[in-house]
């Protein structure tokens, strides 16, 4: 199974994420294709923290957009065709996600957890960018404030979508 490291920010603190929710969304898609429509309304691949989950969800989204069947076999086949199956942890990782999903009925809730964690990570990154701008003092204060406001606006507007 693919190794998942603990995410940390530049301050050495753990970034917000939910490995369980990410695996539950993927497992839901692999075992109940009807759950995919619910998760794609809320999530995009970049909302996932772990690279292998981003890649798997990206394949699920591609299959969904192609109106193709979505299950363990079609996802693993598409990953294999693009030489990404082993990079995401192989068949064992997909099987683990498919067999350990608590229930597919709560995929919307799992998706919302992932989205919330993604927004928090984006907010943390934006706060770091704002801090860098303020410490850098390379611009007028008004411009730094405008850029900071834009960064925060971008975070809130992406969350409202």
N, C-alpha and C. Protein backbone atom coordinates (compact mmCIF):
# COMPACT_ATOMS: atom_id res chain seq x y z
N UNK A 1 0.84 -1.17 0.00
CA UNK A 1 0.00 0.00 0.00
C UNK A 1 0.89 1.24 0.00
N UNK A 2 0.43 2.31 -0.67
CA UNK A 2 1.21 3.55 -0.77
C UNK A 2 1.36 4.17 0.61
N UNK A 3 2.52 4.66 0.86
CA UNK A 3 2.84 5.28 2.14
C UNK A 3 2.25 6.69 2.17
N UNK A 4 1.57 7.06 3.24
CA UNK A 4 1.03 8.40 3.38
C UNK A 4 1.77 9.08 4.52
N UNK A 5 2.46 10.16 4.19
CA UNK A 5 3.19 10.89 5.21
C UNK A 5 2.26 11.89 5.89
N UNK A 6 2.65 12.31 7.09
CA UNK A 6 1.87 13.31 7.80
C UNK A 6 2.15 14.67 7.19
N UNK A 7 1.12 15.37 6.76
CA UNK A 7 1.33 16.68 6.16
C UNK A 7 1.67 17.72 7.22
N UNK A 8 2.70 18.52 6.96
CA UNK A 8 3.08 19.58 7.88
C UNK A 8 3.30 20.86 7.10
N UNK A 9 3.04 21.99 7.76
CA UNK A 9 3.30 23.28 7.13
C UNK A 9 4.72 23.72 7.45
N UNK A 10 5.08 24.90 7.03
CA UNK A 10 6.44 25.38 7.23
C UNK A 10 6.77 25.61 8.69
N UNK A 11 5.77 25.74 9.52
CA UNK A 11 5.99 25.94 10.96
C UNK A 11 6.09 24.60 11.69
N UNK A 12 6.02 23.51 10.95
CA UNK A 12 6.11 22.20 11.56
C UNK A 12 4.80 21.69 12.14
N UNK A 13 3.72 22.41 11.88
CA UNK A 13 2.41 21.97 12.36
C UNK A 13 1.73 21.14 11.30
N UNK A 14 0.90 20.23 11.75
CA UNK A 14 0.17 19.36 10.83
C UNK A 14 -0.92 20.14 10.10
N UNK A 15 -0.94 19.98 8.77
CA UNK A 15 -1.98 20.62 7.97
C UNK A 15 -3.30 19.86 8.12
N UNK A 16 -4.42 20.56 7.95
CA UNK A 16 -5.72 19.88 8.04
C UNK A 16 -5.93 18.89 6.89
N UNK A 17 -6.38 17.71 7.22
CA UNK A 17 -6.72 16.70 6.22
C UNK A 17 -7.53 15.61 6.90
N UNK A 18 -8.18 14.79 6.10
CA UNK A 18 -8.88 13.63 6.64
C UNK A 18 -8.62 12.46 5.71
N UNK A 19 -7.67 11.66 6.06
CA UNK A 19 -7.34 10.48 5.27
C UNK A 19 -8.55 9.55 5.18
N UNK A 20 -9.28 9.42 6.27
CA UNK A 20 -10.46 8.55 6.29
C UNK A 20 -11.53 9.02 5.32
N UNK A 21 -11.79 10.33 5.31
CA UNK A 21 -12.81 10.87 4.40
C UNK A 21 -12.38 10.71 2.95
N UNK A 22 -11.09 10.94 2.67
CA UNK A 22 -10.60 10.78 1.30
C UNK A 22 -10.78 9.33 0.83
N UNK A 23 -10.41 8.39 1.69
CA UNK A 23 -10.57 6.98 1.32
C UNK A 23 -12.04 6.59 1.20
N UNK A 24 -12.89 7.18 2.04
CA UNK A 24 -14.32 6.88 1.98
C UNK A 24 -14.95 7.37 0.68
N UNK A 25 -14.54 8.53 0.21
CA UNK A 25 -15.08 9.04 -1.07
C UNK A 25 -14.62 8.15 -2.22
N UNK A 26 -13.34 7.80 -2.21
CA UNK A 26 -12.83 6.92 -3.27
C UNK A 26 -13.49 5.55 -3.19
N UNK A 27 -13.59 5.01 -2.00
CA UNK A 27 -14.24 3.72 -1.82
C UNK A 27 -15.70 3.74 -2.24
N UNK A 28 -16.38 4.85 -1.95
CA UNK A 28 -17.77 4.99 -2.36
C UNK A 28 -17.89 4.96 -3.88
N UNK A 29 -17.00 5.66 -4.54
CA UNK A 29 -17.03 5.69 -6.01
C UNK A 29 -16.75 4.32 -6.60
N UNK A 30 -15.84 3.58 -5.98
CA UNK A 30 -15.48 2.27 -6.50
C UNK A 30 -16.57 1.22 -6.28
N UNK A 31 -17.40 1.43 -5.28
CA UNK A 31 -18.41 0.42 -4.95
C UNK A 31 -19.84 0.85 -5.28
N UNK A 32 -20.06 2.15 -5.44
CA UNK A 32 -21.40 2.65 -5.75
C UNK A 32 -21.28 3.83 -6.70
N UNK A 33 -21.32 3.59 -8.00
CA UNK A 33 -21.11 4.67 -8.97
C UNK A 33 -22.10 5.82 -8.83
N UNK A 34 -23.26 5.59 -8.24
CA UNK A 34 -24.23 6.67 -8.04
C UNK A 34 -23.71 7.71 -7.06
N UNK A 35 -22.78 7.33 -6.20
CA UNK A 35 -22.24 8.28 -5.23
C UNK A 35 -21.29 9.28 -5.88
N UNK A 36 -20.80 8.96 -7.07
CA UNK A 36 -19.85 9.84 -7.74
C UNK A 36 -20.48 11.19 -8.05
N UNK A 37 -21.71 11.19 -8.52
CA UNK A 37 -22.39 12.45 -8.85
C UNK A 37 -22.45 13.38 -7.65
N UNK A 38 -22.65 12.83 -6.47
CA UNK A 38 -22.71 13.64 -5.26
C UNK A 38 -21.35 14.25 -4.94
N UNK A 39 -20.30 13.46 -5.06
CA UNK A 39 -18.97 13.97 -4.69
C UNK A 39 -18.41 14.95 -5.72
N UNK A 40 -18.70 14.75 -7.02
CA UNK A 40 -18.15 15.67 -8.02
C UNK A 40 -18.84 17.04 -7.97
N UNK A 41 -20.00 17.13 -7.35
CA UNK A 41 -20.64 18.43 -7.17
C UNK A 41 -19.90 19.27 -6.13
N UNK A 42 -19.19 18.60 -5.23
CA UNK A 42 -18.54 19.27 -4.11
C UNK A 42 -17.03 19.38 -4.32
N UNK A 43 -16.42 18.35 -4.89
CA UNK A 43 -14.97 18.23 -4.91
C UNK A 43 -14.36 18.34 -6.30
N UNK A 44 -13.11 18.74 -6.31
CA UNK A 44 -12.26 18.62 -7.48
C UNK A 44 -11.00 17.88 -7.01
N UNK A 45 -10.24 17.32 -7.91
CA UNK A 45 -9.07 16.53 -7.48
C UNK A 45 -8.12 17.28 -6.55
N UNK A 46 -7.95 18.57 -6.77
CA UNK A 46 -7.01 19.33 -5.93
C UNK A 46 -7.49 19.50 -4.49
N UNK A 47 -8.73 19.15 -4.20
CA UNK A 47 -9.20 19.21 -2.82
C UNK A 47 -8.62 18.08 -1.97
N UNK A 48 -8.16 17.03 -2.61
CA UNK A 48 -7.58 15.91 -1.88
C UNK A 48 -6.16 16.26 -1.47
N UNK A 49 -5.79 15.90 -0.27
CA UNK A 49 -4.44 16.20 0.20
C UNK A 49 -3.43 15.21 -0.36
N UNK A 50 -3.73 13.93 -0.27
CA UNK A 50 -2.76 12.91 -0.63
C UNK A 50 -2.69 12.75 -2.15
N UNK A 51 -1.48 12.79 -2.71
CA UNK A 51 -1.32 12.74 -4.17
C UNK A 51 -1.98 11.53 -4.82
N UNK A 52 -1.91 10.37 -4.19
CA UNK A 52 -2.52 9.19 -4.80
C UNK A 52 -4.04 9.32 -4.84
N UNK A 53 -4.62 9.96 -3.84
CA UNK A 53 -6.07 10.16 -3.84
C UNK A 53 -6.49 11.21 -4.87
N UNK A 54 -5.65 12.24 -5.06
CA UNK A 54 -5.90 13.22 -6.12
C UNK A 54 -5.94 12.52 -7.47
N UNK A 55 -4.96 11.65 -7.70
CA UNK A 55 -4.85 10.96 -8.99
C UNK A 55 -6.04 10.03 -9.21
N UNK A 56 -6.41 9.28 -8.18
CA UNK A 56 -7.54 8.35 -8.31
C UNK A 56 -8.83 9.11 -8.55
N UNK A 57 -9.05 10.19 -7.80
CA UNK A 57 -10.28 10.97 -7.98
C UNK A 57 -10.30 11.62 -9.36
N UNK A 58 -9.14 12.02 -9.85
CA UNK A 58 -9.06 12.59 -11.19
C UNK A 58 -9.51 11.57 -12.24
N UNK A 59 -9.10 10.32 -12.09
CA UNK A 59 -9.53 9.26 -13.00
C UNK A 59 -11.03 9.02 -12.87
N UNK A 60 -11.53 9.00 -11.65
CA UNK A 60 -12.97 8.83 -11.41
C UNK A 60 -13.74 9.97 -12.09
N UNK A 61 -13.24 11.18 -11.95
CA UNK A 61 -13.89 12.34 -12.58
C UNK A 61 -13.86 12.23 -14.10
N UNK A 62 -12.72 11.79 -14.65
CA UNK A 62 -12.63 11.59 -16.11
C UNK A 62 -13.67 10.58 -16.59
N UNK A 63 -13.76 9.46 -15.88
CA UNK A 63 -14.73 8.43 -16.25
C UNK A 63 -16.16 8.97 -16.14
N UNK A 64 -16.42 9.72 -15.10
CA UNK A 64 -17.74 10.32 -14.90
C UNK A 64 -18.08 11.25 -16.07
N UNK A 65 -17.12 12.11 -16.43
CA UNK A 65 -17.35 13.07 -17.53
C UNK A 65 -17.50 12.38 -18.88
N UNK A 66 -16.93 11.18 -19.02
CA UNK A 66 -17.06 10.40 -20.25
C UNK A 66 -18.32 9.53 -20.25
N UNK A 67 -19.10 9.60 -19.18
CA UNK A 67 -20.26 8.74 -18.99
C UNK A 67 -19.89 7.26 -19.07
N UNK A 68 -18.71 6.95 -18.58
CA UNK A 68 -18.22 5.57 -18.56
C UNK A 68 -18.59 4.91 -17.23
N UNK A 69 -18.53 3.60 -17.23
CA UNK A 69 -18.75 2.86 -15.98
C UNK A 69 -17.65 3.21 -14.99
N UNK A 70 -18.02 3.29 -13.73
CA UNK A 70 -17.06 3.60 -12.68
C UNK A 70 -17.14 2.49 -11.64
N UNK A 71 -16.06 1.75 -11.52
CA UNK A 71 -15.96 0.72 -10.50
C UNK A 71 -14.48 0.37 -10.33
N UNK A 72 -14.23 -0.58 -9.49
CA UNK A 72 -12.87 -1.01 -9.18
C UNK A 72 -12.10 -1.36 -10.45
N UNK A 73 -12.73 -2.08 -11.35
CA UNK A 73 -12.05 -2.55 -12.57
C UNK A 73 -11.77 -1.40 -13.53
N UNK A 74 -12.75 -0.55 -13.79
CA UNK A 74 -12.54 0.53 -14.76
C UNK A 74 -11.53 1.56 -14.26
N UNK A 75 -11.56 1.86 -12.97
CA UNK A 75 -10.60 2.82 -12.41
C UNK A 75 -9.19 2.24 -12.44
N UNK A 76 -9.04 0.99 -12.01
CA UNK A 76 -7.70 0.39 -12.03
C UNK A 76 -7.19 0.24 -13.46
N UNK A 77 -8.07 -0.07 -14.40
CA UNK A 77 -7.67 -0.19 -15.80
C UNK A 77 -7.18 1.16 -16.35
N UNK A 78 -7.93 2.22 -16.08
CA UNK A 78 -7.53 3.54 -16.57
C UNK A 78 -6.22 4.00 -15.94
N UNK A 79 -6.04 3.71 -14.66
CA UNK A 79 -4.78 4.04 -14.00
C UNK A 79 -3.63 3.24 -14.62
N UNK A 80 -3.88 1.98 -14.90
CA UNK A 80 -2.87 1.11 -15.50
C UNK A 80 -2.50 1.59 -16.90
N UNK A 81 -3.48 1.99 -17.69
CA UNK A 81 -3.24 2.48 -19.05
C UNK A 81 -2.34 3.71 -19.07
N UNK A 82 -2.43 4.52 -18.03
CA UNK A 82 -1.62 5.73 -17.96
C UNK A 82 -0.37 5.53 -17.10
N UNK A 83 -0.06 4.26 -16.80
CA UNK A 83 1.12 3.91 -15.99
C UNK A 83 1.14 4.60 -14.63
N UNK A 84 -0.02 4.75 -14.02
CA UNK A 84 -0.11 5.40 -12.71
C UNK A 84 -0.62 4.48 -11.62
N UNK A 85 -0.95 3.25 -11.98
CA UNK A 85 -1.53 2.33 -11.00
C UNK A 85 -0.57 2.08 -9.84
N UNK A 86 0.67 1.77 -10.13
CA UNK A 86 1.63 1.50 -9.05
C UNK A 86 1.94 2.76 -8.25
N UNK A 87 1.94 3.92 -8.90
CA UNK A 87 2.23 5.18 -8.20
C UNK A 87 1.16 5.51 -7.16
N UNK A 88 -0.07 5.04 -7.37
CA UNK A 88 -1.14 5.32 -6.40
C UNK A 88 -1.25 4.23 -5.33
N UNK A 89 -0.39 3.23 -5.42
CA UNK A 89 -0.42 2.17 -4.42
C UNK A 89 -0.88 0.83 -4.96
N UNK A 90 -1.16 0.78 -6.25
CA UNK A 90 -1.53 -0.48 -6.89
C UNK A 90 -2.93 -0.95 -6.56
N UNK A 91 -3.18 -2.17 -7.00
CA UNK A 91 -4.48 -2.81 -6.78
C UNK A 91 -4.81 -2.89 -5.29
N UNK A 92 -3.80 -3.13 -4.48
CA UNK A 92 -4.03 -3.27 -3.03
C UNK A 92 -4.61 -2.00 -2.42
N UNK A 93 -4.12 -0.84 -2.85
CA UNK A 93 -4.62 0.43 -2.32
C UNK A 93 -6.08 0.64 -2.73
N UNK A 94 -6.38 0.37 -4.00
CA UNK A 94 -7.76 0.51 -4.46
C UNK A 94 -8.68 -0.48 -3.76
N UNK A 95 -8.23 -1.71 -3.60
CA UNK A 95 -9.03 -2.73 -2.92
C UNK A 95 -9.29 -2.31 -1.47
N UNK A 96 -8.28 -1.77 -0.82
CA UNK A 96 -8.44 -1.31 0.56
C UNK A 96 -9.50 -0.21 0.63
N UNK A 97 -9.44 0.74 -0.29
CA UNK A 97 -10.44 1.82 -0.29
C UNK A 97 -11.83 1.27 -0.54
N UNK A 98 -11.93 0.33 -1.47
CA UNK A 98 -13.24 -0.23 -1.84
C UNK A 98 -13.84 -1.08 -0.72
N UNK A 99 -13.00 -1.79 -0.01
CA UNK A 99 -13.54 -2.72 1.01
C UNK A 99 -13.68 -2.09 2.38
N UNK A 100 -13.08 -0.94 2.61
CA UNK A 100 -13.14 -0.35 3.94
C UNK A 100 -14.00 0.90 4.04
N UNK A 101 -14.80 1.19 3.01
CA UNK A 101 -15.70 2.34 3.09
C UNK A 101 -16.82 2.00 4.08
N UNK A 102 -17.03 2.87 5.09
CA UNK A 102 -18.05 2.57 6.10
C UNK A 102 -19.44 2.41 5.48
N UNK A 103 -19.83 3.37 4.65
CA UNK A 103 -21.10 3.31 3.93
C UNK A 103 -21.03 4.33 2.80
N UNK A 104 -21.66 4.03 1.69
CA UNK A 104 -21.67 4.97 0.57
C UNK A 104 -22.78 6.01 0.73
N UNK A 105 -23.68 5.79 1.67
CA UNK A 105 -24.80 6.71 1.86
C UNK A 105 -24.35 8.08 2.37
N UNK A 106 -23.16 8.14 2.98
CA UNK A 106 -22.70 9.40 3.57
C UNK A 106 -21.63 10.09 2.73
N UNK A 107 -21.57 9.77 1.43
CA UNK A 107 -20.52 10.32 0.59
C UNK A 107 -20.56 11.86 0.53
N UNK A 108 -21.74 12.44 0.61
CA UNK A 108 -21.83 13.91 0.61
C UNK A 108 -21.15 14.47 1.85
N UNK A 109 -21.39 13.86 2.98
CA UNK A 109 -20.76 14.30 4.23
C UNK A 109 -19.24 14.12 4.16
N UNK A 110 -18.78 12.98 3.65
CA UNK A 110 -17.33 12.75 3.51
C UNK A 110 -16.73 13.79 2.57
N UNK A 111 -17.44 14.10 1.50
CA UNK A 111 -16.96 15.09 0.53
C UNK A 111 -16.86 16.48 1.17
N UNK A 112 -17.83 16.81 2.00
CA UNK A 112 -17.80 18.11 2.69
C UNK A 112 -16.63 18.20 3.65
N UNK A 113 -16.29 17.10 4.30
CA UNK A 113 -15.13 17.09 5.19
C UNK A 113 -13.86 17.39 4.39
N UNK A 114 -13.72 16.72 3.26
CA UNK A 114 -12.54 16.94 2.41
C UNK A 114 -12.49 18.39 1.94
N UNK A 115 -13.62 18.94 1.52
CA UNK A 115 -13.67 20.32 1.04
C UNK A 115 -13.28 21.29 2.14
N UNK A 116 -13.80 21.07 3.34
CA UNK A 116 -13.46 21.95 4.47
C UNK A 116 -11.96 21.93 4.76
N UNK A 117 -11.37 20.75 4.75
CA UNK A 117 -9.92 20.63 5.00
C UNK A 117 -9.13 21.32 3.90
N UNK A 118 -9.60 21.19 2.67
CA UNK A 118 -8.95 21.84 1.53
C UNK A 118 -8.99 23.36 1.68
N UNK A 119 -10.14 23.89 2.06
CA UNK A 119 -10.28 25.33 2.26
C UNK A 119 -9.34 25.80 3.38
N UNK A 120 -9.26 25.04 4.45
CA UNK A 120 -8.36 25.42 5.54
C UNK A 120 -6.90 25.42 5.08
N UNK A 121 -6.50 24.42 4.29
CA UNK A 121 -5.12 24.40 3.78
C UNK A 121 -4.86 25.60 2.87
N UNK A 122 -5.85 25.94 2.04
CA UNK A 122 -5.71 27.10 1.16
C UNK A 122 -5.61 28.38 1.97
N UNK A 123 -6.40 28.47 3.03
CA UNK A 123 -6.36 29.63 3.91
C UNK A 123 -4.99 29.75 4.59
N UNK A 124 -4.45 28.63 5.03
CA UNK A 124 -3.12 28.62 5.66
C UNK A 124 -2.06 29.10 4.67
N UNK A 125 -2.15 28.61 3.43
CA UNK A 125 -1.19 29.03 2.40
C UNK A 125 -1.33 30.52 2.13
N UNK A 126 -2.57 30.99 2.01
CA UNK A 126 -2.80 32.41 1.76
C UNK A 126 -2.28 33.26 2.91
N UNK A 127 -2.49 32.82 4.13
CA UNK A 127 -1.99 33.55 5.29
C UNK A 127 -0.46 33.63 5.26
N UNK A 128 0.18 32.55 4.84
CA UNK A 128 1.63 32.56 4.70
C UNK A 128 2.08 33.54 3.62
N UNK A 129 1.35 33.56 2.50
CA UNK A 129 1.66 34.49 1.42
C UNK A 129 1.49 35.94 1.89
N UNK A 130 0.43 36.19 2.65
CA UNK A 130 0.19 37.54 3.18
C UNK A 130 1.32 37.93 4.13
N UNK A 131 1.71 37.01 4.96
CA UNK A 131 2.81 37.27 5.89
C UNK A 131 4.10 37.59 5.13
N UNK A 132 4.38 36.80 4.09
CA UNK A 132 5.58 37.06 3.28
C UNK A 132 5.54 38.45 2.65
N UNK A 133 4.37 38.83 2.13
CA UNK A 133 4.24 40.15 1.52
C UNK A 133 4.48 41.25 2.55
N UNK A 134 3.91 41.09 3.73
CA UNK A 134 4.06 42.11 4.78
C UNK A 134 5.50 42.20 5.27
N UNK A 135 6.14 41.05 5.47
CA UNK A 135 7.54 41.06 5.90
C UNK A 135 8.45 41.60 4.81
N UNK A 136 8.10 41.31 3.56
CA UNK A 136 8.95 41.75 2.45
C UNK A 136 8.96 43.25 2.25
N UNK A 137 7.85 43.89 2.56
CA UNK A 137 7.72 45.34 2.45
C UNK A 137 8.21 45.87 1.11
N UNK A 138 7.99 45.09 0.04
CA UNK A 138 8.46 45.50 -1.29
C UNK A 138 7.44 46.35 -2.03
N UNK A 139 6.29 46.56 -1.45
CA UNK A 139 5.22 47.32 -2.08
C UNK A 139 4.68 48.34 -1.09
N UNK A 140 3.85 49.22 -1.61
CA UNK A 140 3.15 50.14 -0.72
C UNK A 140 2.16 49.36 0.12
N UNK A 141 1.91 49.85 1.30
CA UNK A 141 1.00 49.18 2.23
C UNK A 141 -0.37 48.96 1.60
N UNK A 142 -0.86 49.95 0.88
CA UNK A 142 -2.18 49.82 0.26
C UNK A 142 -2.21 48.65 -0.72
N UNK A 143 -1.14 48.48 -1.47
CA UNK A 143 -1.07 47.38 -2.45
C UNK A 143 -1.00 46.03 -1.72
N UNK A 144 -0.25 45.97 -0.65
CA UNK A 144 -0.16 44.72 0.12
C UNK A 144 -1.52 44.37 0.70
N UNK A 145 -2.23 45.37 1.23
CA UNK A 145 -3.57 45.14 1.78
C UNK A 145 -4.53 44.69 0.68
N UNK A 146 -4.45 45.32 -0.49
CA UNK A 146 -5.31 44.91 -1.62
C UNK A 146 -5.03 43.47 -2.01
N UNK A 147 -3.76 43.09 -2.09
CA UNK A 147 -3.39 41.72 -2.46
C UNK A 147 -3.86 40.73 -1.39
N UNK A 148 -3.72 41.13 -0.13
CA UNK A 148 -4.17 40.27 0.97
C UNK A 148 -5.68 40.07 0.90
N UNK A 149 -6.41 41.15 0.66
CA UNK A 149 -7.87 41.04 0.54
C UNK A 149 -8.25 40.13 -0.62
N UNK A 150 -7.53 40.24 -1.74
CA UNK A 150 -7.82 39.41 -2.90
C UNK A 150 -7.58 37.93 -2.59
N UNK A 151 -6.49 37.64 -1.88
CA UNK A 151 -6.20 36.25 -1.51
C UNK A 151 -7.31 35.67 -0.63
N UNK A 152 -7.75 36.45 0.35
CA UNK A 152 -8.83 35.98 1.23
C UNK A 152 -10.13 35.85 0.45
N UNK A 153 -10.41 36.80 -0.43
CA UNK A 153 -11.61 36.73 -1.26
C UNK A 153 -11.58 35.46 -2.12
N UNK A 154 -10.42 35.15 -2.69
CA UNK A 154 -10.29 33.94 -3.52
C UNK A 154 -10.61 32.67 -2.72
N UNK A 155 -10.16 32.65 -1.48
CA UNK A 155 -10.45 31.48 -0.62
C UNK A 155 -11.93 31.37 -0.35
N UNK A 156 -12.57 32.48 0.02
CA UNK A 156 -14.00 32.42 0.35
C UNK A 156 -14.84 32.18 -0.88
N UNK A 157 -14.47 32.74 -2.02
CA UNK A 157 -15.30 32.53 -3.23
C UNK A 157 -15.17 31.10 -3.73
N UNK A 158 -14.02 30.49 -3.61
CA UNK A 158 -13.88 29.09 -4.04
C UNK A 158 -14.67 28.17 -3.12
N UNK A 159 -14.79 28.54 -1.87
CA UNK A 159 -15.56 27.73 -0.92
C UNK A 159 -17.06 27.86 -1.18
N UNK A 160 -17.49 29.01 -1.63
CA UNK A 160 -18.91 29.23 -1.88
C UNK A 160 -19.40 28.53 -3.13
N UNK A 161 -18.50 28.16 -4.02
CA UNK A 161 -18.88 27.42 -5.21
C UNK A 161 -19.27 26.03 -4.82
